[in-house]
C-alpha atoms as a PDB file:
ATOM      1  CA  MET A   1     -15.272 -20.769 -10.062  1.00  0.00           C
ATOM      2  CA  SER A   2     -14.148 -18.473  -7.224  1.00  0.00           C
ATOM      3  CA  LYS A   3     -14.329 -14.680  -7.472  1.00  0.00           C
ATOM      4  CA  LEU A   4     -10.532 -14.619  -7.204  1.00  0.00           C
ATOM      5  CA  SER A   5     -10.130 -16.985 -10.182  1.00  0.00           C
ATOM      6  CA  THR A   6     -12.689 -15.070 -12.243  1.00  0.00           C
ATOM      7  CA  LEU A   7     -10.955 -11.736 -11.632  1.00  0.00           C
ATOM      8  CA  SER A   8      -7.605 -13.313 -12.447  1.00  0.00           C
ATOM      9  CA  LEU A   9      -8.899 -14.524 -15.798  1.00  0.00           C
ATOM     10  CA  LEU A  10     -10.413 -11.147 -16.622  1.00  0.00           C
ATOM     11  CA  LEU A  11      -7.175  -9.370 -15.817  1.00  0.00           C
ATOM     12  CA  ALA A  12      -5.138 -11.920 -17.756  1.00  0.00           C
ATOM     13  CA  GLY A  13      -7.258 -11.160 -20.782  1.00  0.00           C
ATOM     14  CA  SER A  14      -6.382  -7.483 -20.457  1.00  0.00           C
ATOM     15  CA  ILE A  15      -2.600  -7.897 -20.490  1.00  0.00           C
ATOM     16  CA  ALA A  16      -2.171  -7.427 -24.234  1.00  0.00           C
ATOM     17  CA  SER A  17      -3.895  -4.060 -24.172  1.00  0.00           C
ATOM     18  CA  PHE A  18      -1.694  -2.860 -21.323  1.00  0.00           C
ATOM     19  CA  ALA A  19       1.716  -3.842 -22.722  1.00  0.00           C
ATOM     20  CA  PRO A  20       4.339  -1.104 -22.293  1.00  0.00           C
ATOM     21  CA  ILE A  21       5.120   0.915 -25.415  1.00  0.00           C
ATOM     22  CA  SER A  22       8.062   3.014 -26.535  1.00  0.00           C
ATOM     23  CA  ALA A  23       8.245   6.734 -25.902  1.00  0.00           C
ATOM     24  CA  ALA A  24       6.860   8.953 -28.652  1.00  0.00           C
ATOM     25  CA  HIS A  25       8.816  11.928 -27.328  1.00  0.00           C
ATOM     26  CA  ALA A  26      10.292  13.285 -24.140  1.00  0.00           C
ATOM     27  CA  LEU A  27       8.382  15.694 -21.935  1.00  0.00           C
ATOM     28  CA  GLU A  28       8.014  19.001 -23.762  1.00  0.00           C
ATOM     29  CA  ASN A  29       6.934  22.470 -22.794  1.00  0.00           C
ATOM     30  CA  GLY A  30       3.173  22.785 -23.282  1.00  0.00           C
ATOM     31  CA  ASP A  31       2.462  19.142 -22.411  1.00  0.00           C
ATOM     32  CA  THR A  32      -0.128  18.086 -19.862  1.00  0.00           C
ATOM     33  CA  VAL A  33       1.201  15.723 -17.211  1.00  0.00           C
ATOM     34  CA  ARG A  34      -1.456  13.471 -15.691  1.00  0.00           C
ATOM     35  CA  ILE A  35      -1.169  11.849 -12.276  1.00  0.00           C
ATOM     36  CA  VAL A  36      -3.161   8.622 -12.560  1.00  0.00           C
ATOM     37  CA  VAL A  37      -4.946   7.590  -9.356  1.00  0.00           C
ATOM     38  CA  GLY A  38      -6.373   4.086  -9.372  1.00  0.00           C
ATOM     39  CA  PHE A  39      -9.061   4.922  -6.827  1.00  0.00           C
ATOM     40  CA  SER A  40     -12.171   7.075  -6.616  1.00  0.00           C
ATOM     41  CA  PRO A  41     -12.016  10.783  -5.714  1.00  0.00           C
ATOM     42  CA  GLY A  42     -11.928  11.624  -2.032  1.00  0.00           C
ATOM     43  CA  GLY A  43      -9.777   8.792  -0.690  1.00  0.00           C
ATOM     44  CA  GLY A  44      -6.277   8.993   0.738  1.00  0.00           C
ATOM     45  CA  TYR A  45      -4.454   8.368  -2.549  1.00  0.00           C
ATOM     46  CA  ASP A  46      -6.627  10.822  -4.460  1.00  0.00           C
ATOM     47  CA  THR A  47      -6.247  13.454  -1.734  1.00  0.00           C
ATOM     48  CA  SER A  48      -2.467  12.975  -1.661  1.00  0.00           C
ATOM     49  CA  ALA A  49      -2.189  13.363  -5.437  1.00  0.00           C
ATOM     50  CA  ARG A  50      -4.406  16.447  -5.556  1.00  0.00           C
ATOM     51  CA  LEU A  51      -2.429  18.007  -2.716  1.00  0.00           C
ATOM     52  CA  ALA A  52       0.832  17.418  -4.586  1.00  0.00           C
ATOM     53  CA  ALA A  53      -0.273  18.281  -8.144  1.00  0.00           C
ATOM     54  CA  PRO A  54       0.007  22.121  -7.999  1.00  0.00           C
ATOM     55  CA  TYR A  55       3.397  21.874  -6.296  1.00  0.00           C
ATOM     56  CA  ILE A  56       4.660  19.437  -8.939  1.00  0.00           C
ATOM     57  CA  GLN A  57       3.375  21.764 -11.649  1.00  0.00           C
ATOM     58  CA  ALA A  58       5.116  24.757 -10.066  1.00  0.00           C
ATOM     59  CA  GLU A  59       8.388  22.848  -9.752  1.00  0.00           C
ATOM     60  CA  LEU A  60       8.205  21.689 -13.379  1.00  0.00           C
ATOM     61  CA  ARG A  61       7.600  25.272 -14.503  1.00  0.00           C
ATOM     62  CA  GLU A  62      10.657  26.419 -12.575  1.00  0.00           C
ATOM     63  CA  ASN A  63      12.777  23.709 -14.217  1.00  0.00           C
ATOM     64  CA  GLY A  64      12.423  24.345 -17.912  1.00  0.00           C
ATOM     65  CA  PHE A  65       8.718  23.702 -18.600  1.00  0.00           C
ATOM     66  CA  PRO A  66       6.939  27.056 -18.051  1.00  0.00           C
ATOM     67  CA  ASP A  67       3.736  25.974 -19.846  1.00  0.00           C
ATOM     68  CA  VAL A  68       3.360  22.422 -18.502  1.00  0.00           C
ATOM     69  CA  SER A  69       0.086  21.621 -16.699  1.00  0.00           C
ATOM     70  CA  VAL A  70      -0.415  18.860 -14.131  1.00  0.00           C
ATOM     71  CA  ILE A  71      -3.814  17.210 -13.665  1.00  0.00           C
ATOM     72  CA  VAL A  72      -5.130  14.308 -11.590  1.00  0.00           C
ATOM     73  CA  GLU A  73      -7.014  11.564 -13.435  1.00  0.00           C
ATOM     74  CA  ASN A  74      -8.958   8.829 -11.604  1.00  0.00           C
ATOM     75  CA  VAL A  75      -8.766   5.508 -13.458  1.00  0.00           C
ATOM     76  CA  THR A  76     -10.693   3.099 -11.234  1.00  0.00           C
ATOM     77  CA  GLY A  77     -11.207  -0.648 -11.350  1.00  0.00           C
ATOM     78  CA  GLY A  78      -9.774  -3.779  -9.760  1.00  0.00           C
ATOM     79  CA  ALA A  79      -8.824  -2.071  -6.472  1.00  0.00           C
ATOM     80  CA  GLY A  80      -6.135  -0.002  -8.190  1.00  0.00           C
ATOM     81  CA  VAL A  81      -5.208  -2.510 -10.929  1.00  0.00           C
ATOM     82  CA  MET A  82      -6.520  -0.460 -13.841  1.00  0.00           C
ATOM     83  CA  GLY A  83      -4.745   2.692 -12.706  1.00  0.00           C
ATOM     84  CA  ALA A  84      -1.398   0.912 -12.318  1.00  0.00           C
ATOM     85  CA  ALA A  85      -1.874  -0.833 -15.680  1.00  0.00           C
ATOM     86  CA  THR A  86      -2.597   2.508 -17.339  1.00  0.00           C
ATOM     87  CA  VAL A  87       0.728   3.909 -16.116  1.00  0.00           C
ATOM     88  CA  PHE A  88       2.609   0.718 -16.986  1.00  0.00           C
ATOM     89  CA  SER A  89       1.439   0.834 -20.618  1.00  0.00           C
ATOM     90  CA  ALA A  90       1.884   4.581 -21.179  1.00  0.00           C
ATOM     91  CA  PRO A  91       4.771   6.060 -23.185  1.00  0.00           C
ATOM     92  CA  PRO A  92       7.729   6.684 -20.840  1.00  0.00           C
ATOM     93  CA  ASP A  93       7.922  10.328 -21.846  1.00  0.00           C
ATOM     94  CA  GLY A  94       7.064  12.033 -18.538  1.00  0.00           C
ATOM     95  CA  THR A  95       3.458  12.882 -19.428  1.00  0.00           C
ATOM     96  CA  THR A  96       1.981  10.004 -17.389  1.00  0.00           C
ATOM     97  CA  ILE A  97       2.841   9.298 -13.767  1.00  0.00           C
ATOM     98  CA  GLY A  98       0.864   7.509 -11.092  1.00  0.00           C
ATOM     99  CA  ILE A  99       0.486   6.975  -7.377  1.00  0.00           C
ATOM    100  CA  LEU A 100       0.793   3.361  -6.244  1.00  0.00           C
ATOM    101  CA  GLU A 101       0.549   1.198  -3.123  1.00  0.00           C
ATOM    102  CA  PRO A 102       3.435  -1.223  -3.804  1.00  0.00           C
ATOM    103  CA  MET A 103       2.319  -4.215  -1.713  1.00  0.00           C
ATOM    104  CA  ASP A 104      -1.259  -4.147  -2.985  1.00  0.00           C
ATOM    105  CA  ALA A 105       0.123  -4.039  -6.515  1.00  0.00           C
ATOM    106  CA  THR A 106       2.682  -6.772  -5.844  1.00  0.00           C
ATOM    107  CA  TRP A 107       0.005  -9.163  -4.611  1.00  0.00           C
ATOM    108  CA  GLN A 108      -2.288  -8.241  -7.490  1.00  0.00           C
ATOM    109  CA  GLU A 109       0.549  -9.219  -9.810  1.00  0.00           C
ATOM    110  CA  LEU A 110       1.264 -12.472  -7.948  1.00  0.00           C
ATOM    111  CA  LEU A 111      -2.294 -13.637  -7.260  1.00  0.00           C
ATOM    112  CA  LEU A 112      -4.348 -12.082 -10.055  1.00  0.00           C
ATOM    113  CA  ASN A 113      -1.913 -11.972 -12.970  1.00  0.00           C
ATOM    114  CA  ALA A 114      -2.400  -8.205 -13.101  1.00  0.00           C
ATOM    115  CA  PRO A 115      -1.157  -6.570 -16.327  1.00  0.00           C
ATOM    116  CA  PHE A 116       1.987  -4.980 -14.925  1.00  0.00           C
ATOM    117  CA  LYS A 117       5.256  -5.910 -13.234  1.00  0.00           C
ATOM    118  CA  VAL A 118       5.750  -3.817 -10.145  1.00  0.00           C
ATOM    119  CA  THR A 119       9.553  -3.931 -10.112  1.00  0.00           C
ATOM    120  CA  GLU A 120       9.707  -2.642 -13.717  1.00  0.00           C
ATOM    121  CA  PHE A 121       8.067   0.727 -13.033  1.00  0.00           C
ATOM    122  CA  SER A 122      10.251   3.825 -12.898  1.00  0.00           C
ATOM    123  CA  PHE A 123      10.139   5.192  -9.339  1.00  0.00           C
ATOM    124  CA  LEU A 124       9.986   8.876  -8.428  1.00  0.00           C
ATOM    125  CA  GLY A 125       9.719   8.793  -4.623  1.00  0.00           C
ATOM    126  CA  GLN A 126       7.446   8.198  -1.642  1.00  0.00           C
ATOM    127  CA  GLN A 127       5.058  10.907  -0.476  1.00  0.00           C
ATOM    128  CA  ASN A 128       3.683   9.383   2.726  1.00  0.00           C
ATOM    129  CA  ILE A 129       2.985   6.170   4.573  1.00  0.00           C
ATOM    130  CA  ASP A 130       0.420   4.569   6.899  1.00  0.00           C
ATOM    131  CA  THR A 131       2.071   1.931   9.072  1.00  0.00           C
ATOM    132  CA  TYR A 132      -0.001  -0.975  10.377  1.00  0.00           C
ATOM    133  CA  GLY A 133      -1.363  -1.697  13.807  1.00  0.00           C
ATOM    134  CA  PHE A 134      -2.981  -4.829  15.254  1.00  0.00           C
ATOM    135  CA  ILE A 135      -6.251  -3.906  16.960  1.00  0.00           C
ATOM    136  CA  VAL A 136      -8.047  -6.172  19.460  1.00  0.00           C
ATOM    137  CA  ARG A 137     -11.298  -5.769  21.370  1.00  0.00           C
ATOM    138  CA  ASN A 138     -10.870  -4.467  24.899  1.00  0.00           C
ATOM    139  CA  ASP A 139     -13.220  -7.057  26.420  1.00  0.00           C
ATOM    140  CA  LEU A 140     -10.936  -9.963  25.418  1.00  0.00           C
ATOM    141  CA  ASN A 141      -8.271  -9.194  28.046  1.00  0.00           C
ATOM    142  CA  ILE A 142      -5.421  -9.757  25.613  1.00  0.00           C
ATOM    143  CA  ALA A 143      -2.397  -7.817  26.841  1.00  0.00           C
ATOM    144  CA  ASN A 144       0.509  -9.317  24.885  1.00  0.00           C
ATOM    145  CA  LEU A 145       1.503 -11.781  22.179  1.00  0.00           C
ATOM    146  CA  ASP A 146       1.453 -14.789  24.508  1.00  0.00           C
ATOM    147  CA  ASP A 147      -2.171 -13.995  25.399  1.00  0.00           C
ATOM    148  CA  LEU A 148      -3.035 -13.805  21.700  1.00  0.00           C
ATOM    149  CA  VAL A 149      -1.296 -17.104  20.902  1.00  0.00           C
ATOM    150  CA  ALA A 150      -2.933 -18.889  23.822  1.00  0.00           C
ATOM    151  CA  ARG A 151      -6.409 -17.640  22.954  1.00  0.00           C
ATOM    152  CA  SER A 152      -5.990 -18.407  19.259  1.00  0.00           C
ATOM    153  CA  ASN A 153      -5.008 -21.980  19.998  1.00  0.00           C
ATOM    154  CA  GLU A 154      -8.231 -22.508  21.940  1.00  0.00           C
ATOM    155  CA  LYS A 155     -10.156 -21.209  18.915  1.00  0.00           C
ATOM    156  CA  PRO A 156      -8.769 -19.358  15.874  1.00  0.00           C
ATOM    157  CA  PHE A 157      -8.678 -15.629  16.509  1.00  0.00           C
ATOM    158  CA  LEU A 158     -11.280 -14.033  14.243  1.00  0.00           C
ATOM    159  CA  LEU A 159     -10.012 -11.066  12.231  1.00  0.00           C
ATOM    160  CA  SER A 160     -12.292  -8.775  10.277  1.00  0.00           C
ATOM    161  CA  THR A 161     -11.054  -7.931   6.769  1.00  0.00           C
ATOM    162  CA  ALA A 162     -11.844  -5.440   4.027  1.00  0.00           C
ATOM    163  CA  GLY A 163     -12.108  -8.320   1.532  1.00  0.00           C
ATOM    164  CA  ARG A 164     -10.530 -11.669   0.663  1.00  0.00           C
ATOM    165  CA  THR A 165      -7.559 -10.106  -1.137  1.00  0.00           C
ATOM    166  CA  SER A 166      -7.137  -6.947   0.957  1.00  0.00           C
ATOM    167  CA  TYR A 167      -3.427  -6.638   1.647  1.00  0.00           C
ATOM    168  CA  SER A 168      -3.444  -4.814   4.988  1.00  0.00           C
ATOM    169  CA  THR A 169      -6.388  -6.617   6.587  1.00  0.00           C
ATOM    170  CA  ARG A 170      -6.193 -10.071   4.962  1.00  0.00           C
ATOM    171  CA  ILE A 171      -2.829 -10.881   3.391  1.00  0.00           C
ATOM    172  CA  PHE A 172      -0.531  -9.174   5.897  1.00  0.00           C
ATOM    173  CA  PRO A 173      -1.948 -11.167   8.863  1.00  0.00           C
ATOM    174  CA  VAL A 174      -0.981 -14.344   6.961  1.00  0.00           C
ATOM    175  CA  LEU A 175       2.563 -12.977   6.543  1.00  0.00           C
ATOM    176  CA  LEU A 176       2.616 -12.164  10.272  1.00  0.00           C
ATOM    177  CA  LYS A 177       1.423 -15.664  11.165  1.00  0.00           C
ATOM    178  CA  GLN A 178       4.039 -17.286   8.911  1.00  0.00           C
ATOM    179  CA  THR A 179       6.856 -15.160  10.360  1.00  0.00           C
ATOM    180  CA  LEU A 180       5.843 -15.921  13.954  1.00  0.00           C
ATOM    181  CA  ALA A 181       5.670 -19.628  13.154  1.00  0.00           C
ATOM    182  CA  GLU A 182       9.353 -19.532  12.203  1.00  0.00           C
ATOM    183  CA  VAL A 183      10.193 -18.895  15.872  1.00  0.00           C
ATOM    184  CA  GLY A 184       7.642 -21.335  17.266  1.00  0.00           C
ATOM    185  CA  LYS A 185       4.879 -18.825  18.065  1.00  0.00           C
ATOM    186  CA  ASN A 186       1.876 -20.440  16.436  1.00  0.00           C
ATOM    187  CA  VAL A 187      -0.990 -17.972  16.258  1.00  0.00           C
ATOM    188  CA  GLN A 188      -4.142 -19.186  14.522  1.00  0.00           C
ATOM    189  CA  PHE A 189      -6.309 -16.766  12.545  1.00  0.00           C
ATOM    190  CA  ASP A 190      -9.697 -17.086  10.923  1.00  0.00           C
ATOM    191  CA  PHE A 191     -11.307 -14.318   8.890  1.00  0.00           C
ATOM    192  CA  VAL A 192     -14.664 -12.689   8.391  1.00  0.00           C
ATOM    193  CA  ASN A 193     -14.487 -10.928   5.035  1.00  0.00           C
ATOM    194  CA  MET A 194     -16.384  -7.677   4.715  1.00  0.00           C
ATOM    195  CA  ALA A 195     -16.901  -5.224   1.852  1.00  0.00           C
ATOM    196  CA  GLY A 196     -14.361  -2.518   2.666  1.00  0.00           C
ATOM    197  CA  THR A 197     -12.503  -1.106   5.654  1.00  0.00           C
ATOM    198  CA  SER A 198     -15.510   0.730   7.102  1.00  0.00           C
ATOM    199  CA  GLU A 199     -17.490  -2.508   7.240  1.00  0.00           C
ATOM    200  CA  ALA A 200     -14.506  -4.300   8.752  1.00  0.00           C
ATOM    201  CA  ARG A 201     -14.346  -1.763  11.588  1.00  0.00           C
ATOM    202  CA  ALA A 202     -18.121  -1.998  12.057  1.00  0.00           C
ATOM    203  CA  SER A 203     -17.901  -5.778  12.324  1.00  0.00           C
ATOM    204  CA  LEU A 204     -15.332  -5.433  15.101  1.00  0.00           C
ATOM    205  CA  ALA A 205     -17.410  -2.769  16.868  1.00  0.00           C
ATOM    206  CA  ARG A 206     -20.457  -5.066  16.779  1.00  0.00           C
ATOM    207  CA  GLY A 207     -18.465  -7.849  18.426  1.00  0.00           C
ATOM    208  CA  GLU A 208     -18.631 -10.155  15.402  1.00  0.00           C
ATOM    209  CA  ALA A 209     -14.854 -10.117  14.990  1.00  0.00           C
ATOM    210  CA  GLU A 210     -12.127 -10.094  17.626  1.00  0.00           C
ATOM    211  CA  GLY A 211      -9.415  -8.087  15.884  1.00  0.00           C
ATOM    212  CA  LEU A 212      -8.378  -6.103  12.838  1.00  0.00           C
ATOM    213  CA  MET A 213      -5.093  -5.238  11.166  1.00  0.00           C
ATOM    214  CA  MET A 214      -5.142  -1.810   9.547  1.00  0.00           C
ATOM    215  CA  GLY A 215      -3.174   1.377   9.024  1.00  0.00           C
ATOM    216  CA  VAL A 216      -2.417   3.611  11.991  1.00  0.00           C
ATOM    217  CA  ASN A 217      -4.130   6.766  10.773  1.00  0.00           C
ATOM    218  CA  PRO A 218      -6.689   9.289  12.056  1.00  0.00           C
ATOM    219  CA  THR A 219      -9.576   6.917  11.261  1.00  0.00           C
ATOM    220  CA  SER A 220      -8.168   3.920  13.147  1.00  0.00           C
ATOM    221  CA  ILE A 221      -6.969   6.121  16.025  1.00  0.00           C
ATOM    222  CA  ALA A 222     -10.471   7.624  16.359  1.00  0.00           C
ATOM    223  CA  PHE A 223     -11.915   4.098  16.333  1.00  0.00           C
ATOM    224  CA  VAL A 224      -9.585   3.007  19.135  1.00  0.00           C
ATOM    225  CA  ASN A 225     -10.289   6.187  21.090  1.00  0.00           C
ATOM    226  CA  GLU A 226     -13.976   5.257  21.181  1.00  0.00           C
ATOM    227  CA  GLY A 227     -12.919   2.754  23.846  1.00  0.00           C
ATOM    228  CA  LYS A 228     -14.036  -0.590  22.404  1.00  0.00           C
ATOM    229  CA  ALA A 229     -10.636  -1.641  21.089  1.00  0.00           C
ATOM    230  CA  LYS A 230      -6.917  -1.015  21.517  1.00  0.00           C
ATOM    231  CA  PHE A 231      -3.670  -1.379  19.594  1.00  0.00           C
ATOM    232  CA  LEU A 232      -1.962  -4.549  20.810  1.00  0.00           C
ATOM    233  CA  PHE A 233       1.078  -3.410  18.832  1.00  0.00           C
ATOM    234  CA  SER A 234       1.975  -1.155  15.922  1.00  0.00           C
ATOM    235  CA  PHE A 235       4.820  -0.856  13.444  1.00  0.00           C
ATOM    236  CA  LEU A 236       7.014   2.268  13.373  1.00  0.00           C
ATOM    237  CA  GLU A 237       4.745   4.125  15.801  1.00  0.00           C
ATOM    238  CA  SER A 238       5.954   5.331  19.201  1.00  0.00           C
ATOM    239  CA  GLU A 239       2.538   6.175  20.657  1.00  0.00           C
ATOM    240  CA  TYR A 240       1.439   2.531  20.871  1.00  0.00           C
ATOM    241  CA  PRO A 241       3.202  -0.689  21.950  1.00  0.00           C
ATOM    242  CA  SER A 242       6.056  -1.421  19.564  1.00  0.00           C
ATOM    243  CA  ALA A 243       5.746  -4.430  17.252  1.00  0.00           C
ATOM    244  CA  GLU A 244       9.486  -4.937  17.569  1.00  0.00           C
ATOM    245  CA  GLU A 245       9.177  -5.374  21.344  1.00  0.00           C
ATOM    246  CA  VAL A 246       5.855  -7.227  21.409  1.00  0.00           C
ATOM    247  CA  LEU A 247       6.738  -9.710  18.651  1.00  0.00           C
ATOM    248  CA  ALA A 248      10.376 -10.116  19.797  1.00  0.00           C
ATOM    249  CA  LEU A 249      11.473 -11.516  16.443  1.00  0.00           C
ATOM    250  CA  PRO A 250      15.098 -11.831  15.332  1.00  0.00           C
ATOM    251  CA  LEU A 251      16.125  -8.879  13.164  1.00  0.00           C
ATOM    252  CA  GLU A 252      16.434 -11.011  10.021  1.00  0.00           C
ATOM    253  CA  LEU A 253      12.757 -11.967  10.371  1.00  0.00           C
ATOM    254  CA  PHE A 254      11.437  -8.687  11.746  1.00  0.00           C
ATOM    255  CA  ASP A 255      13.066  -6.369   9.210  1.00  0.00           C
ATOM    256  CA  PRO A 256      11.258  -7.667   6.065  1.00  0.00           C
ATOM    257  CA  LEU A 257       7.985  -7.935   7.996  1.00  0.00           C
ATOM    258  CA  ASN A 258       8.423  -4.373   9.278  1.00  0.00           C
ATOM    259  CA  LYS A 259       9.041  -3.019   5.774  1.00  0.00           C
ATOM    260  CA  ALA A 260       5.931  -4.821   4.519  1.00  0.00           C
ATOM    261  CA  ALA A 261       3.753  -3.526   7.383  1.00  0.00           C
ATOM    262  CA  ALA A 262       2.609  -0.327   5.734  1.00  0.00           C
ATOM    263  CA  SER A 263       0.489   1.289   3.063  1.00  0.00           C
ATOM    264  CA  ARG A 264       2.855   3.476   1.077  1.00  0.00           C
ATOM    265  CA  ARG A 265       2.113   6.142  -1.505  1.00  0.00           C
ATOM    266  CA  PHE A 266       4.774   5.792  -4.181  1.00  0.00           C
ATOM    267  CA  TYR A 267       4.930   7.872  -7.350  1.00  0.00           C
ATOM    268  CA  ILE A 268       5.694   5.831 -10.430  1.00  0.00           C
ATOM    269  CA  ALA A 269       6.277   6.351 -14.150  1.00  0.00           C
ATOM    270  CA  PRO A 270       6.201   3.830 -17.005  1.00  0.00           C
ATOM    271  CA  PRO A 271       9.068   1.370 -17.487  1.00  0.00           C
ATOM    272  CA  GLY A 272      11.916   2.277 -19.809  1.00  0.00           C
ATOM    273  CA  MET A 273      12.124   5.981 -19.074  1.00  0.00           C
ATOM    274  CA  ASP A 274      15.226   7.777 -20.300  1.00  0.00           C
ATOM    275  CA  GLN A 275      17.634   8.086 -17.365  1.00  0.00           C
ATOM    276  CA  GLU A 276      18.163  11.829 -17.798  1.00  0.00           C
ATOM    277  CA  LEU A 277      14.414  12.488 -17.736  1.00  0.00           C
ATOM    278  CA  LEU A 278      13.915  10.094 -14.818  1.00  0.00           C
ATOM    279  CA  THR A 279      16.638  11.810 -12.801  1.00  0.00           C
ATOM    280  CA  LYS A 280      15.096  15.228 -13.504  1.00  0.00           C
ATOM    281  CA  LEU A 281      11.650  14.035 -12.370  1.00  0.00           C
ATOM    282  CA  GLN A 282      13.115  12.406  -9.251  1.00  0.00           C
ATOM    283  CA  ASP A 283      14.835  15.690  -8.375  1.00  0.00           C
ATOM    284  CA  ILE A 284      11.572  17.597  -8.922  1.00  0.00           C
ATOM    285  CA  PHE A 285       9.614  15.229  -6.656  1.00  0.00           C
ATOM    286  CA  GLU A 286      12.286  15.461  -3.969  1.00  0.00           C
ATOM    287  CA  ALA A 287      12.159  19.254  -4.132  1.00  0.00           C
ATOM    288  CA  VAL A 288       8.363  19.186  -3.747  1.00  0.00           C
ATOM    289  CA  PHE A 289       8.168  16.659  -0.930  1.00  0.00           C
ATOM    290  CA  THR A 290      10.965  18.217   1.110  1.00  0.00           C
ATOM    291  CA  SER A 291       9.775  21.816   0.836  1.00  0.00           C
ATOM    292  CA  GLU A 292       8.624  23.373   4.113  1.00  0.00           C
ATOM    293  CA  GLU A 293       5.431  24.751   2.558  1.00  0.00           C
ATOM    294  CA  PHE A 294       4.347  21.383   1.182  1.00  0.00           C
ATOM    295  CA  MET A 295       5.185  19.565   4.400  1.00  0.00           C
ATOM    296  CA  GLU A 296       3.113  22.077   6.384  1.00  0.00           C
ATOM    297  CA  LYS A 297       0.139  21.702   4.002  1.00  0.00           C
ATOM    298  CA  SER A 298       0.406  17.922   4.219  1.00  0.00           C
ATOM    299  CA  GLU A 299       0.484  18.001   8.001  1.00  0.00           C
ATOM    300  CA  GLU A 300      -2.633  20.181   8.031  1.00  0.00           C
ATOM    301  CA  ALA A 301      -4.367  17.672   5.727  1.00  0.00           C
ATOM    302  CA  GLY A 302      -3.553  14.766   8.067  1.00  0.00           C
ATOM    303  CA  LEU A 303      -1.130  13.280   5.514  1.00  0.00           C
ATOM    304  CA  PRO A 304       2.327  14.064   6.899  1.00  0.00           C
ATOM    305  CA  VAL A 305       5.162  13.588   4.434  1.00  0.00           C
ATOM    306  CA  SER A 306       7.465  10.581   4.851  1.00  0.00           C
ATOM    307  CA  PHE A 307       9.692  11.155   1.833  1.00  0.00           C
ATOM    308  CA  ILE A 308      12.142   8.633   0.470  1.00  0.00           C
ATOM    309  CA  SER A 309      13.858   9.091  -2.877  1.00  0.00           C
ATOM    310  CA  GLY A 310      13.125   7.387  -6.170  1.00  0.00           C
ATOM    311  CA  GLU A 311      16.187   5.184  -5.835  1.00  0.00           C
ATOM    312  CA  GLU A 312      15.222   4.215  -2.284  1.00  0.00           C
ATOM    313  CA  THR A 313      11.682   3.349  -3.402  1.00  0.00           C
ATOM    314  CA  ARG A 314      13.096   1.167  -6.186  1.00  0.00           C
ATOM    315  CA  GLU A 315      15.299  -0.720  -3.721  1.00  0.00           C
ATOM    316  CA  LEU A 316      12.429  -1.090  -1.264  1.00  0.00           C
ATOM    317  CA  VAL A 317      10.068  -2.427  -3.935  1.00  0.00           C
ATOM    318  CA  THR A 318      12.638  -5.085  -4.844  1.00  0.00           C
ATOM    319  CA  GLN A 319      12.865  -6.179  -1.200  1.00  0.00           C
ATOM    320  CA  LEU A 320       9.071  -6.186  -0.790  1.00  0.00           C
ATOM    321  CA  ALA A 321       8.624  -8.214  -3.976  1.00  0.00           C
ATOM    322  CA  ASP A 322      11.183 -10.798  -2.821  1.00  0.00           C
ATOM    323  CA  PHE A 323       9.413 -11.111   0.550  1.00  0.00           C
ATOM    324  CA  ALA A 324       6.050 -11.553  -1.178  1.00  0.00           C
ATOM    325  CA  LYS A 325       7.373 -14.220  -3.557  1.00  0.00           C
ATOM    326  CA  ARG A 326       8.815 -16.197  -0.640  1.00  0.00           C
ATOM    327  CA  ASN A 327       5.382 -16.218   0.995  1.00  0.00           C
ATOM    328  CA  LYS A 328       3.198 -16.571  -2.100  1.00  0.00           C
ATOM    329  CA  GLU A 329       2.376 -20.237  -1.529  1.00  0.00           C
ATOM    330  CA  VAL A 330       1.215 -19.840   2.067  1.00  0.00           C
ATOM    331  CA  VAL A 331      -1.000 -16.864   1.117  1.00  0.00           C
ATOM    332  CA  GLU A 332      -2.495 -18.782  -1.804  1.00  0.00           C
ATOM    333  CA  GLN A 333      -3.213 -21.734   0.464  1.00  0.00           C
ATOM    334  CA  SER A 334      -4.909 -19.518   3.029  1.00  0.00           C
ATOM    335  CA  ILE A 335      -7.141 -17.851   0.428  1.00  0.00           C
ATOM    336  CA  ALA A 336      -7.921 -21.185  -1.275  1.00  0.00           C
ATOM    337  CA  ALA A 337      -8.995 -22.599   2.097  1.00  0.00           C
ATOM    338  CA  GLY A 338     -11.828 -20.080   2.050  1.00  0.00           C
ATOM    339  CA  GLN A 339     -10.716 -18.331   5.218  1.00  0.00           C
END
């Protein structure tokens, strides 16, 4: 049995214990609000949540809850699955919120039968975003998409990944390939699966892999600046060649791909939250993430704010989920092929 099938069975067995439950009460003064982070301390999601927590607490205290405390709780396991499941099953009373990467979670739901439904969360807003870039080794003399297609049809272009089910490094390249195929640009990928993003970058630096898809962030920019690799294109970034220009896809194909080409930090609450409470929390998160002080602190931390509202995040998640469902079969086939 494959590791993917084994993990799917284990998660399926956990669904009953993570079923959503009814609210015991609404958020009250004196409560402790926990921000559940599904990853270990020190990473981008944990850092984002800990940066935001005191500002969220201050805003709550200014809006009718003078004795509310906000803490960050790391609930690790399953590459974020256990954290998301913890939020999904919590009472929708405002005392449990979480920080979520929506595409990772969507594919965990689709491929692993994870114990949550991404579109059913209550959404509070987006804090920040890492858009994706396609990195290739400098020594390959690949200057544009036609070069990449031509080389990949001689021999599949070897991408390093952070693992067989990593969204940014493994699943998104399959979505890119499928979208390009719809306009007759047939790029062929093969994959060398590593244990994490650091190992994926190291594999590319050693010359074992030829390319890597990952977020455009200080780490990937520093890697490129070392001189061994370059961004062939990037999404939503002006400093590097534009994916819109390099890929030259019709808008109806490019737009869903563009929206899916990012790691986003969404704040979520359990399903079924009372609309009045949800609206109040959405307003509080908007006030935090649009304040000049918080934006300055975030910029200093290398995590600049890219706020969108709770309603906008809900609409975006629906679009991302639809795009994923349309491409589920081709992703499953790619993973089953052992690539």
